[in-house]
Amino acid sequence: MTTSGEAGIAVGRPAEGILTRSVVWLAAVAGLAVGAVIWPRIAGVAALVLLVAFVWTHPRAALHTLSFAALAVRPSLDRFSERQLGLGPFALQPAVIFGGLVLAAGVVLALRRAHDGRRLWPDADLLRTHVWLAAAYGIMALAGSWLYGAEGVNQAVREVLRVGSVVAAFLVMYWWLDEEPRAIGRAWMYLALGAVLPLLVAMEQLVTGTGFIEPDGTLRLQGTFSHPNSFAQYLIPLICALVAGQGRRSWRMGLAVALSVVVALTYSRTAILALAAALPIVLVLESRLDARHAARVVLALIFIGGAIWLLAGGMITRRFAGVAFDGASVQDALAGQSENSFQWRVINWAGLVLLGLNHPWFGHGAGMTTVLNPLVNDNNGVPFNAHDDYVRFFFEGGVTALACYMIYQGLLIWWVLRRSRVVTAERRGAALALGGSLCGMTFLTAGTTELSLHTANLYVLYGLLAIASIDRRSVSP
């Protein structure tokens, strides 16, 4: 028989437990608050711990949330993350914070997936492809650390973490679709949703005249991106996906033409050339080189090209009017006597190549272009980028890193094109759009898009890669 005293103790123990936990929780919160005042970054550490706990205990929800953020949110962050003079390599800008969260969550999810016995990569070929990318950045990181000490280390760490966040985002999106293959429709919807805000902002810029203003008064649309070139390149894979995708072809072609006009309104010559190179490749690949589809490819090219020229031909002509390739123009550029964009790039490339020849095998180190380049951007006080991927990789990693990077690009394109021949129609559109975009934005434009530095655009391209990577056999009946 239980006495009244025993009953009181039995009732009191749960209450004491709740009180103890409450006291501990309040003490922890108070400690974090005091610590955050003394050392503000402790709040970030606490948030990181909570993120890790959530990702480990709720992996499916984390995969979905991160995939949505990578496809629909990331394109709108660049406008708030521009580099300025005085900001260190680890300045906590929105895009940097986002990349750090994706990388941290990706590591936790990889450990959880390995713990559960699930594969991390779609296949060994794609993993080996990215080993070449890792080798390129590894060479550049070691070179910078060796030559420039702490500054070289900081720049290298930032670059490695940035690229790591892109690869982590791809794996997260692949894992999400691998576990939920029928979510591919949502992935396409998130890609489309991510373009809404950049396009709305671009239209507002067109109406109000508040976009990127050139010295001659030319208005260039940039959307939510830090530069018109980035915005234009962001639209290229979306246009290719519309051309190669399923559904009502007339509706998709009309939207592809409209987005192509927006590309023209960015006045990005590099993006216009990349789009002009990518679209024929997509259409030819879509026809599978079958003679029966040749007429359809030709008609599609004529329709798209004619519509773009009708709507934006004047703008394109105006943008290319000042480009000169004769000997006198090049000499003026090398002598610093021309302000034309093409001639300026010749100056920039020549200067970086000459500096790169001081360390031709392993370069100056990752991220050191925007430290050592003698040409400085007057708008933000930061030395210019190379404006060419291959020049940048030579300058930062020498011929060894450049060779690794070009092998990575070639293997990735080859993997995507092979994938387009074996996946279902729903995934084939993503593979074709990705293959055409990569060809147009890398080798066919000689690296002038500087794709490796456009992080938001890499998220989109790797989102298409995640869609194309899903094995059709993994879809449940």
Protein backbone atom coordinates (compact mmCIF):
# COMPACT_ATOMS: atom_id res chain seq x y z
CA MET A 1 0.00 0.00 0.00
CA THR A 2 1.43 3.43 -0.98
CA THR A 3 1.61 6.01 1.75
CA SER A 4 0.80 9.66 1.25
CA GLY A 5 4.50 10.55 1.62
CA GLU A 6 5.51 8.08 -1.12
CA ALA A 7 2.81 9.45 -3.41
CA GLY A 8 4.08 12.96 -2.87
CA ILE A 9 7.59 11.91 -3.79
CA ALA A 10 6.33 10.10 -6.92
CA VAL A 11 4.46 13.18 -8.05
CA GLY A 12 7.28 15.53 -7.16
CA ARG A 13 10.05 13.79 -9.13
CA PRO A 14 8.68 14.62 -12.65
CA ALA A 15 8.12 18.19 -11.55
CA GLU A 16 11.68 18.39 -10.26
CA GLY A 17 12.93 17.00 -13.62
CA ILE A 18 11.03 19.62 -15.58
CA LEU A 19 12.32 22.34 -13.28
CA THR A 20 15.90 21.10 -13.66
CA ARG A 21 15.68 21.02 -17.46
CA SER A 22 14.16 24.50 -17.48
CA VAL A 23 16.95 25.87 -15.33
CA VAL A 24 19.58 24.23 -17.55
CA TRP A 25 17.87 25.60 -20.70
CA LEU A 26 17.66 29.13 -19.27
CA ALA A 27 21.29 28.95 -18.16
CA ALA A 28 22.35 27.81 -21.63
CA VAL A 29 20.39 30.62 -23.31
CA ALA A 30 21.82 33.19 -20.91
CA GLY A 31 25.32 31.84 -21.46
CA LEU A 32 24.91 32.03 -25.23
CA ALA A 33 23.57 35.59 -24.97
CA VAL A 34 26.51 36.73 -22.85
CA GLY A 35 28.95 34.86 -25.10
CA ALA A 36 27.43 36.43 -28.23
CA VAL A 37 27.94 39.91 -26.74
CA ILE A 38 31.57 39.18 -25.93
CA TRP A 39 32.25 37.16 -29.11
CA PRO A 40 29.41 37.60 -31.68
CA ARG A 41 30.44 34.59 -33.73
CA ILE A 42 29.39 32.29 -30.90
CA ALA A 43 25.80 32.83 -32.08
CA GLY A 44 26.81 31.40 -35.45
CA VAL A 45 28.39 28.41 -33.73
CA ALA A 46 25.17 27.77 -31.83
CA ALA A 47 23.14 28.04 -35.03
CA LEU A 48 25.53 25.61 -36.73
CA VAL A 49 25.10 23.09 -33.92
CA LEU A 50 21.31 23.33 -34.22
CA LEU A 51 21.58 22.92 -38.01
CA VAL A 52 23.71 19.80 -37.64
CA ALA A 53 21.25 18.32 -35.12
CA PHE A 54 18.27 19.03 -37.37
CA VAL A 55 19.94 17.64 -40.50
CA TRP A 56 21.02 14.44 -38.76
CA THR A 57 17.63 13.76 -37.17
CA HIS A 58 15.46 14.89 -40.11
CA PRO A 59 17.47 14.06 -43.27
CA ARG A 60 14.54 13.91 -45.70
CA ALA A 61 13.19 17.30 -44.62
CA ALA A 62 16.70 18.74 -44.80
CA LEU A 63 17.24 17.38 -48.32
CA HIS A 64 14.01 18.92 -49.57
CA THR A 65 14.58 22.27 -47.84
CA LEU A 66 18.16 22.62 -49.06
CA SER A 67 17.23 21.63 -52.62
CA PHE A 68 14.47 24.23 -52.68
CA ALA A 69 16.87 26.87 -51.36
CA ALA A 70 19.59 25.97 -53.89
CA LEU A 71 17.25 26.18 -56.87
CA ALA A 72 14.74 28.87 -55.86
CA VAL A 73 16.54 31.14 -53.38
CA ARG A 74 20.21 31.21 -54.36
CA PRO A 75 19.71 33.19 -57.64
CA SER A 76 18.42 36.16 -55.63
CA LEU A 77 21.33 36.49 -53.19
CA ASP A 78 24.12 37.86 -55.38
CA ARG A 79 22.75 41.40 -55.38
CA PHE A 80 23.40 41.55 -51.62
CA SER A 81 26.84 39.93 -51.77
CA GLU A 82 29.01 42.17 -53.93
CA ARG A 83 32.69 42.33 -53.08
CA GLN A 84 33.99 45.70 -51.88
CA LEU A 85 37.38 47.09 -50.93
CA GLY A 86 38.16 46.31 -47.30
CA LEU A 87 35.99 43.21 -47.09
CA GLY A 88 38.04 40.15 -46.25
CA PRO A 89 37.66 36.77 -47.98
CA PHE A 90 35.35 35.57 -45.20
CA ALA A 91 32.99 38.56 -45.00
CA LEU A 92 29.60 37.28 -43.85
CA GLN A 93 27.50 38.20 -46.86
CA PRO A 94 24.22 36.37 -47.64
CA ALA A 95 25.73 34.27 -50.44
CA VAL A 96 28.69 33.32 -48.25
CA ILE A 97 26.45 32.33 -45.33
CA PHE A 98 24.23 30.35 -47.68
CA GLY A 99 27.19 28.47 -49.14
CA GLY A 100 28.54 27.70 -45.68
CA LEU A 101 25.20 26.30 -44.53
CA VAL A 102 24.86 24.14 -47.66
CA LEU A 103 28.40 22.80 -47.24
CA ALA A 104 27.95 22.03 -43.54
CA ALA A 105 24.60 20.36 -44.12
CA GLY A 106 26.00 18.44 -47.08
CA VAL A 107 28.82 16.99 -44.95
CA VAL A 108 26.35 15.88 -42.25
CA LEU A 109 24.01 14.36 -44.83
CA ALA A 110 26.93 12.54 -46.48
CA LEU A 111 27.89 11.02 -43.13
CA ARG A 112 24.27 10.06 -42.49
CA ARG A 113 23.91 8.55 -45.94
CA ALA A 114 27.17 6.58 -45.53
CA HIS A 115 25.94 5.45 -42.11
CA ASP A 116 22.75 4.15 -43.74
CA GLY A 117 24.71 2.35 -46.48
CA ARG A 118 23.48 4.58 -49.33
CA ARG A 119 25.63 5.60 -52.30
CA LEU A 120 27.01 9.13 -52.39
CA TRP A 121 27.61 9.60 -56.15
CA PRO A 122 25.50 8.57 -59.14
CA ASP A 123 28.39 6.52 -60.53
CA ALA A 124 32.16 6.15 -60.42
CA ASP A 125 32.69 8.08 -63.70
CA LEU A 126 31.11 11.25 -62.36
CA LEU A 127 33.12 10.92 -59.15
CA ARG A 128 36.36 10.57 -61.13
CA THR A 129 35.38 13.62 -63.17
CA HIS A 130 35.21 15.70 -60.01
CA VAL A 131 38.53 14.33 -58.78
CA TRP A 132 40.08 16.37 -61.62
CA LEU A 133 38.24 19.46 -60.36
CA ALA A 134 39.50 18.79 -56.83
CA ALA A 135 43.04 18.35 -58.19
CA ALA A 136 42.90 21.74 -59.95
CA TYR A 137 41.80 23.57 -56.81
CA GLY A 138 44.19 21.57 -54.66
CA ILE A 139 47.13 22.67 -56.81
CA MET A 140 46.01 26.30 -56.65
CA ALA A 141 45.47 26.14 -52.88
CA LEU A 142 48.94 24.73 -52.25
CA ALA A 143 50.58 27.24 -54.58
CA GLY A 144 48.97 30.23 -52.88
CA SER A 145 49.76 28.94 -49.42
CA TRP A 146 53.41 28.35 -50.39
CA LEU A 147 53.96 31.71 -52.10
CA TYR A 148 51.88 34.15 -50.06
CA GLY A 149 51.52 32.68 -46.59
CA ALA A 150 48.43 33.62 -44.59
CA GLU A 151 46.88 35.71 -47.36
CA GLY A 152 47.30 32.88 -49.84
CA VAL A 153 45.80 30.43 -47.34
CA ASN A 154 42.76 32.67 -46.72
CA GLN A 155 42.08 33.15 -50.42
CA ALA A 156 42.53 29.43 -51.09
CA VAL A 157 40.23 28.37 -48.25
CA ARG A 158 37.52 30.72 -49.50
CA GLU A 159 37.74 29.35 -53.04
CA VAL A 160 37.82 25.72 -51.94
CA LEU A 161 34.82 26.23 -49.64
CA ARG A 162 32.92 28.06 -52.41
CA VAL A 163 33.44 25.27 -54.93
CA GLY A 164 32.81 22.69 -52.20
CA SER A 165 29.43 24.29 -51.50
CA VAL A 166 28.48 23.94 -55.19
CA VAL A 167 29.39 20.24 -55.24
CA ALA A 168 27.62 19.75 -51.90
CA ALA A 169 24.49 21.38 -53.32
CA PHE A 170 24.59 19.00 -56.28
CA LEU A 171 24.91 15.96 -54.02
CA VAL A 172 22.10 17.19 -51.78
CA MET A 173 19.81 17.65 -54.78
CA TYR A 174 20.82 14.26 -56.18
CA TRP A 175 20.16 12.55 -52.82
CA TRP A 176 16.77 14.25 -52.58
CA LEU A 177 15.71 13.06 -56.03
CA ASP A 178 17.26 9.64 -55.47
CA GLU A 179 15.05 9.14 -52.42
CA GLU A 180 12.02 10.80 -54.03
CA PRO A 181 12.33 10.24 -57.82
CA ARG A 182 8.81 11.53 -58.41
CA ALA A 183 9.89 14.90 -57.02
CA ILE A 184 11.58 15.76 -60.34
CA GLY A 185 8.50 17.79 -61.27
CA ARG A 186 9.02 19.85 -58.11
CA ALA A 187 12.69 20.33 -58.99
CA TRP A 188 11.69 21.83 -62.35
CA MET A 189 9.14 24.01 -60.56
CA TYR A 190 11.80 25.26 -58.13
CA LEU A 191 14.11 26.09 -61.04
CA ALA A 192 11.33 28.14 -62.62
CA LEU A 193 10.45 29.77 -59.30
CA GLY A 194 14.06 30.82 -58.82
CA ALA A 195 13.89 32.84 -62.05
CA VAL A 196 10.77 34.80 -61.08
CA LEU A 197 12.37 37.38 -58.79
CA PRO A 198 15.43 38.04 -61.01
CA LEU A 199 13.12 38.58 -64.00
CA LEU A 200 10.73 40.82 -62.07
CA VAL A 201 13.62 42.96 -60.86
CA ALA A 202 14.98 43.08 -64.42
CA MET A 203 11.63 44.31 -65.72
CA GLU A 204 11.54 46.95 -62.99
CA GLN A 205 15.04 48.04 -64.04
CA LEU A 206 13.92 48.27 -67.67
CA VAL A 207 10.91 50.43 -66.80
CA THR A 208 12.67 52.72 -64.32
CA GLY A 209 16.09 52.82 -65.99
CA THR A 210 17.84 51.71 -62.81
CA GLY A 211 19.90 48.77 -64.01
CA PHE A 212 23.62 48.66 -64.71
CA ILE A 213 24.50 51.95 -66.44
CA GLU A 214 27.54 52.00 -68.74
CA PRO A 215 29.63 55.20 -69.06
CA ASP A 216 28.03 55.85 -72.47
CA GLY A 217 24.56 55.71 -70.89
CA THR A 218 23.64 52.19 -72.05
CA LEU A 219 21.17 50.54 -69.67
CA ARG A 220 22.00 46.87 -69.04
CA LEU A 221 19.62 44.62 -67.15
CA GLN A 222 21.14 42.65 -64.28
CA GLY A 223 18.15 41.42 -62.28
CA THR A 224 19.16 40.30 -58.78
CA PHE A 225 22.70 39.53 -59.92
CA SER A 226 25.82 41.55 -59.24
CA HIS A 227 26.53 42.10 -62.96
CA PRO A 228 24.64 41.83 -66.28
CA ASN A 229 27.03 39.11 -67.47
CA SER A 230 26.05 36.88 -64.54
CA PHE A 231 22.34 37.45 -65.14
CA ALA A 232 22.61 36.71 -68.86
CA GLN A 233 24.53 33.49 -68.26
CA TYR A 234 22.00 32.42 -65.64
CA LEU A 235 19.28 32.49 -68.30
CA ILE A 236 21.16 30.36 -70.86
CA PRO A 237 20.50 26.90 -69.32
CA LEU A 238 16.87 27.90 -68.68
CA ILE A 239 16.43 28.81 -72.35
CA CYS A 240 18.07 25.56 -73.41
CA ALA A 241 15.80 23.61 -71.06
CA LEU A 242 12.73 25.24 -72.63
CA VAL A 243 13.92 24.33 -76.12
CA ALA A 244 14.78 20.72 -75.20
CA GLY A 245 12.00 20.03 -72.71
CA GLN A 246 8.65 18.32 -72.91
CA GLY A 247 5.20 19.87 -73.09
CA ARG A 248 3.55 22.34 -75.42
CA ARG A 249 6.33 23.25 -77.81
CA SER A 250 4.82 26.52 -79.07
CA TRP A 251 4.45 27.84 -75.50
CA ARG A 252 7.99 26.84 -74.59
CA MET A 253 9.47 28.32 -77.77
CA GLY A 254 7.71 31.62 -77.14
CA LEU A 255 9.06 31.79 -73.60
CA ALA A 256 12.55 30.84 -74.84
CA VAL A 257 12.45 33.73 -77.32
CA ALA A 258 11.29 36.13 -74.59
CA LEU A 259 14.14 35.10 -72.29
CA SER A 260 16.57 35.42 -75.21
CA VAL A 261 15.45 39.02 -75.65
CA VAL A 262 16.20 39.58 -71.96
CA VAL A 263 19.68 38.17 -72.60
CA ALA A 264 20.07 40.71 -75.40
CA LEU A 265 18.98 43.49 -73.03
CA THR A 266 21.86 42.63 -70.72
CA TYR A 267 24.17 43.65 -73.60
CA SER A 268 26.50 40.81 -72.60
CA ARG A 269 28.38 39.89 -75.76
CA THR A 270 29.88 36.81 -74.16
CA ALA A 271 26.44 35.51 -73.12
CA ILE A 272 24.96 36.22 -76.55
CA LEU A 273 27.75 34.22 -78.18
CA ALA A 274 27.37 31.41 -75.63
CA LEU A 275 23.62 31.24 -76.26
CA ALA A 276 24.16 31.26 -80.02
CA ALA A 277 26.56 28.33 -79.61
CA ALA A 278 24.45 26.38 -77.10
CA LEU A 279 21.07 26.38 -78.87
CA PRO A 280 22.19 24.63 -82.09
CA ILE A 281 23.96 21.99 -80.02
CA VAL A 282 20.82 21.33 -77.97
CA LEU A 283 18.66 21.02 -81.08
CA VAL A 284 21.12 18.78 -82.90
CA LEU A 285 21.48 16.50 -79.87
CA GLU A 286 17.71 16.41 -79.44
CA SER A 287 17.33 15.16 -83.01
CA ARG A 288 19.79 12.31 -82.22
CA LEU A 289 21.38 13.13 -85.59
CA ASP A 290 18.42 11.46 -87.25
CA ALA A 291 17.80 12.71 -90.81
CA ARG A 292 14.05 12.60 -90.20
CA HIS A 293 14.42 15.31 -87.57
CA ALA A 294 16.79 17.50 -89.58
CA ALA A 295 13.99 19.66 -90.98
CA ARG A 296 12.56 20.20 -87.51
CA VAL A 297 15.97 21.30 -86.21
CA VAL A 298 16.47 23.73 -89.09
CA LEU A 299 12.97 25.18 -88.69
CA ALA A 300 13.43 25.56 -84.95
CA LEU A 301 16.74 27.37 -85.45
CA ILE A 302 15.23 29.65 -88.08
CA PHE A 303 12.22 30.42 -85.88
CA ILE A 304 14.20 31.13 -82.72
CA GLY A 305 16.98 33.02 -84.49
CA GLY A 306 14.55 35.02 -86.62
CA ALA A 307 12.34 35.94 -83.66
CA ILE A 308 15.34 37.00 -81.57
CA TRP A 309 16.74 39.07 -84.42
CA LEU A 310 13.37 40.68 -85.11
CA LEU A 311 12.94 41.66 -81.46
CA ALA A 312 16.52 42.38 -80.44
CA GLY A 313 18.61 42.56 -83.62
CA GLY A 314 19.24 46.27 -83.23
CA MET A 315 20.49 45.85 -79.67
CA ILE A 316 22.80 43.00 -80.67
CA THR A 317 24.21 44.96 -83.61
CA ARG A 318 24.77 47.98 -81.39
CA ARG A 319 26.61 45.93 -78.78
CA PHE A 320 28.97 44.35 -81.32
CA ALA A 321 29.49 47.53 -83.38
CA GLY A 322 32.54 48.64 -81.42
CA VAL A 323 34.34 45.30 -81.49
CA ALA A 324 37.45 45.39 -83.63
CA PHE A 325 39.92 42.57 -84.21
CA ASP A 326 42.44 44.25 -86.51
CA GLY A 327 46.08 44.70 -85.61
CA ALA A 328 45.76 48.40 -84.84
CA SER A 329 42.96 47.79 -82.34
CA VAL A 330 44.94 45.12 -80.54
CA GLN A 331 47.98 47.39 -80.38
CA ASP A 332 45.83 50.17 -78.92
CA ALA A 333 44.50 47.76 -76.34
CA LEU A 334 47.96 46.57 -75.33
CA ALA A 335 49.07 50.18 -75.05
CA GLY A 336 46.09 51.01 -72.85
CA GLN A 337 44.64 53.47 -75.37
CA SER A 338 41.21 51.86 -75.81
CA GLU A 339 38.22 51.67 -73.49
CA ASN A 340 36.30 49.20 -75.65
CA SER A 341 35.40 46.06 -73.73
CA PHE A 342 37.15 43.66 -76.11
CA GLN A 343 40.33 45.69 -76.22
CA TRP A 344 40.23 46.07 -72.44
CA ARG A 345 40.02 42.31 -72.07
CA VAL A 346 43.07 41.94 -74.27
CA ILE A 347 44.94 44.24 -71.88
CA ASN A 348 43.71 42.28 -68.88
CA TRP A 349 44.55 38.86 -70.34
CA ALA A 350 47.99 39.96 -71.53
CA GLY A 351 48.88 41.37 -68.13
CA LEU A 352 47.77 38.27 -66.24
CA VAL A 353 49.51 35.89 -68.62
CA LEU A 354 52.76 37.84 -68.26
CA LEU A 355 52.45 37.74 -64.46
CA GLY A 356 51.52 34.07 -64.61
CA LEU A 357 54.73 33.28 -66.47
CA ASN A 358 56.58 34.02 -63.22
CA HIS A 359 55.13 30.75 -61.89
CA PRO A 360 54.08 28.87 -65.06
CA TRP A 361 53.73 25.37 -63.59
CA PHE A 362 51.69 25.89 -60.41
CA GLY A 363 50.58 29.53 -60.58
CA HIS A 364 50.12 32.19 -57.92
CA GLY A 365 47.38 30.47 -55.94
CA ALA A 366 43.59 30.22 -55.75
CA GLY A 367 41.81 33.57 -55.58
CA MET A 368 44.98 35.61 -56.05
CA THR A 369 43.80 37.16 -59.33
CA THR A 370 41.71 39.68 -57.39
CA VAL A 371 44.70 40.43 -55.18
CA LEU A 372 47.57 40.72 -57.68
CA ASN A 373 45.90 42.03 -60.85
CA PRO A 374 47.23 45.57 -61.44
CA LEU A 375 43.93 46.59 -63.10
CA VAL A 376 41.50 47.73 -60.40
CA ASN A 377 37.72 48.16 -60.59
CA ASP A 378 36.93 51.82 -59.86
CA ASN A 379 33.44 50.94 -58.63
CA ASN A 380 34.47 48.73 -55.71
CA GLY A 381 38.22 49.15 -55.40
CA VAL A 382 38.90 45.42 -55.97
CA PRO A 383 41.33 44.20 -58.67
CA PHE A 384 39.52 42.75 -61.69
CA ASN A 385 38.97 39.07 -62.29
CA ALA A 386 40.56 37.51 -65.35
CA HIS A 387 37.29 37.55 -67.37
CA ASP A 388 38.36 34.19 -68.79
CA ASP A 389 38.39 30.86 -67.00
CA TYR A 390 41.44 29.52 -68.78
CA VAL A 391 43.49 32.67 -68.17
CA ARG A 392 42.45 32.58 -64.50
CA PHE A 393 43.36 28.93 -64.01
CA PHE A 394 46.73 29.49 -65.70
CA PHE A 395 47.43 32.52 -63.51
CA GLU A 396 46.29 30.85 -60.27
CA GLY A 397 47.36 27.25 -60.91
CA GLY A 398 49.75 27.20 -63.85
CA VAL A 399 49.56 24.75 -66.70
CA THR A 400 48.98 21.83 -64.30
CA ALA A 401 45.78 23.23 -62.77
CA LEU A 402 44.62 24.48 -66.16
CA ALA A 403 45.04 20.99 -67.64
CA CYS A 404 43.13 19.41 -64.73
CA TYR A 405 40.31 21.92 -65.10
CA MET A 406 39.98 21.40 -68.85
CA ILE A 407 39.97 17.62 -68.39
CA TYR A 408 37.21 18.04 -65.79
CA GLN A 409 35.13 20.12 -68.21
CA GLY A 410 35.60 17.68 -71.06
CA LEU A 411 34.75 14.63 -68.94
CA LEU A 412 31.68 16.35 -67.45
CA ILE A 413 30.32 17.27 -70.89
CA TRP A 414 30.99 13.74 -72.15
CA TRP A 415 29.25 12.21 -69.12
CA VAL A 416 26.19 14.43 -69.61
CA LEU A 417 25.93 13.67 -73.32
CA ARG A 418 26.21 9.92 -72.69
CA ARG A 419 23.57 10.26 -69.99
CA SER A 420 21.17 11.94 -72.39
CA ARG A 421 21.05 8.73 -74.45
CA VAL A 422 19.92 6.41 -71.62
CA VAL A 423 17.62 8.41 -69.33
CA THR A 424 13.88 8.88 -69.65
CA ALA A 425 12.40 11.78 -71.60
CA GLU A 426 11.72 13.72 -68.40
CA ARG A 427 15.42 13.64 -67.52
CA ARG A 428 16.68 13.88 -71.08
CA GLY A 429 15.64 17.52 -71.35
CA ALA A 430 17.83 18.37 -68.37
CA ALA A 431 20.79 16.45 -69.83
CA LEU A 432 20.47 18.11 -73.24
CA ALA A 433 20.07 21.59 -71.75
CA LEU A 434 23.07 21.02 -69.50
CA GLY A 435 25.21 19.56 -72.28
CA GLY A 436 24.45 22.39 -74.69
CA SER A 437 24.93 25.06 -72.02
CA LEU A 438 28.26 23.64 -70.89
CA CYS A 439 29.54 23.44 -74.46
CA GLY A 440 28.46 27.00 -75.19
CA MET A 441 29.77 28.43 -71.91
CA THR A 442 33.16 26.68 -71.87
CA PHE A 443 35.10 25.46 -74.89
CA LEU A 444 33.06 27.15 -77.64
CA THR A 445 33.53 30.59 -76.06
CA ALA A 446 37.13 29.90 -74.99
CA GLY A 447 36.31 30.27 -71.31
CA THR A 448 35.33 33.95 -71.61
CA THR A 449 32.13 33.40 -69.61
CA GLU A 450 34.37 32.71 -66.55
CA LEU A 451 31.77 30.18 -65.48
CA SER A 452 33.78 28.92 -62.52
CA LEU A 453 33.24 32.21 -60.67
CA HIS A 454 29.48 32.52 -61.23
CA THR A 455 28.43 30.51 -58.19
CA ALA A 456 24.68 31.03 -58.53
CA ASN A 457 24.82 29.86 -62.15
CA LEU A 458 26.77 26.77 -61.12
CA TYR A 459 23.97 25.92 -58.69
CA VAL A 460 21.51 25.96 -61.60
CA LEU A 461 23.74 23.86 -63.86
CA TYR A 462 24.34 21.35 -61.10
CA GLY A 463 20.60 21.27 -60.43
CA LEU A 464 20.13 20.13 -64.02
CA LEU A 465 22.94 17.61 -63.47
CA ALA A 466 21.11 16.25 -60.42
CA ILE A 467 17.93 15.76 -62.47
CA ALA A 468 19.86 14.05 -65.26
CA SER A 469 21.70 11.82 -62.77
CA ILE A 470 18.63 9.99 -61.47
CA ASP A 471 18.52 6.41 -62.71
CA ARG A 472 15.17 5.62 -64.31
CA ARG A 473 15.23 2.22 -62.62
CA SER A 474 14.97 3.92 -59.22
CA VAL A 475 11.45 5.20 -59.93
CA SER A 476 8.87 3.14 -58.15
CA PRO A 477 6.09 1.68 -60.33
